[in-house]
C-alpha atoms as a PDB file:
ATOM      1  CA  UNK A   1     -19.613 -25.039  -8.769  1.00  0.00           C
ATOM      2  CA  UNK A   2     -16.099 -25.392  -7.400  1.00  0.00           C
ATOM      3  CA  UNK A   3     -13.473 -22.778  -8.221  1.00  0.00           C
ATOM      4  CA  UNK A   4     -10.341 -24.133  -9.856  1.00  0.00           C
ATOM      5  CA  UNK A   5      -7.442 -22.465  -8.041  1.00  0.00           C
ATOM      6  CA  UNK A   6      -5.097 -23.313 -10.911  1.00  0.00           C
ATOM      7  CA  UNK A   7      -6.581 -20.304 -12.720  1.00  0.00           C
ATOM      8  CA  UNK A   8      -4.789 -18.001 -10.271  1.00  0.00           C
ATOM      9  CA  UNK A   9      -1.292 -19.409 -10.823  1.00  0.00           C
ATOM     10  CA  UNK A  10      -0.645 -17.181 -13.827  1.00  0.00           C
ATOM     11  CA  UNK A  11       2.119 -14.570 -13.338  1.00  0.00           C
ATOM     12  CA  UNK A  12      -0.323 -11.774 -14.121  1.00  0.00           C
ATOM     13  CA  UNK A  13      -2.040 -12.333 -10.752  1.00  0.00           C
ATOM     14  CA  UNK A  14       1.294 -11.888  -8.975  1.00  0.00           C
ATOM     15  CA  UNK A  15       1.879  -8.702 -10.957  1.00  0.00           C
ATOM     16  CA  UNK A  16      -1.582  -7.384 -10.093  1.00  0.00           C
ATOM     17  CA  UNK A  17      -1.073  -8.154  -6.393  1.00  0.00           C
ATOM     18  CA  UNK A  18       2.361  -6.495  -6.423  1.00  0.00           C
ATOM     19  CA  UNK A  19       0.938  -3.423  -8.103  1.00  0.00           C
ATOM     20  CA  UNK A  20      -1.823  -3.143  -5.515  1.00  0.00           C
ATOM     21  CA  UNK A  21       0.575  -3.606  -2.603  1.00  0.00           C
ATOM     22  CA  UNK A  22       3.001  -1.061  -4.065  1.00  0.00           C
ATOM     23  CA  UNK A  23       0.200   1.443  -4.571  1.00  0.00           C
ATOM     24  CA  UNK A  24      -0.941   1.087  -0.960  1.00  0.00           C
ATOM     25  CA  UNK A  25       2.636   1.452   0.322  1.00  0.00           C
ATOM     26  CA  UNK A  26       3.212   4.613  -1.713  1.00  0.00           C
ATOM     27  CA  UNK A  27      -0.067   6.097  -0.454  1.00  0.00           C
ATOM     28  CA  UNK A  28       0.916   5.276   3.127  1.00  0.00           C
ATOM     29  CA  UNK A  29       4.341   6.920   2.754  1.00  0.00           C
ATOM     30  CA  UNK A  30       2.887  10.023   1.110  1.00  0.00           C
ATOM     31  CA  UNK A  31       0.181  10.329   3.778  1.00  0.00           C
ATOM     32  CA  UNK A  32       2.806  10.018   6.481  1.00  0.00           C
ATOM     33  CA  UNK A  33       5.118  12.562   4.839  1.00  0.00           C
ATOM     34  CA  UNK A  34       2.479  15.123   3.885  1.00  0.00           C
ATOM     35  CA  UNK A  35       0.064  14.957   6.809  1.00  0.00           C
ATOM     36  CA  UNK A  36       1.310  13.052   9.855  1.00  0.00           C
ATOM     37  CA  UNK A  37       4.852  14.464  10.061  1.00  0.00           C
ATOM     38  CA  UNK A  38       3.793  18.127   9.643  1.00  0.00           C
ATOM     39  CA  UNK A  39       1.029  17.644  12.226  1.00  0.00           C
ATOM     40  CA  UNK A  40       3.555  16.211  14.678  1.00  0.00           C
ATOM     41  CA  UNK A  41       5.948  19.110  14.018  1.00  0.00           C
ATOM     42  CA  UNK A  42       3.316  21.816  14.421  1.00  0.00           C
ATOM     43  CA  UNK A  43       1.856  20.317  17.575  1.00  0.00           C
ATOM     44  CA  UNK A  44       5.297  20.063  19.122  1.00  0.00           C
ATOM     45  CA  UNK A  45       5.300  16.297  19.497  1.00  0.00           C
ATOM     46  CA  UNK A  46       8.393  15.845  17.321  1.00  0.00           C
ATOM     47  CA  UNK A  47      11.565  17.703  18.353  1.00  0.00           C
END
């Protein structure tokens, strides 16, 4: 059974991928801002 790739050309797949990528980017920024930056400040790595 071959998969027809034309099924994935619908704009909803692009929207779903964009939502997932945006979610991951927001999580990365929040993790950086809430955990990594304070750790760097308290350990004296950042000026």
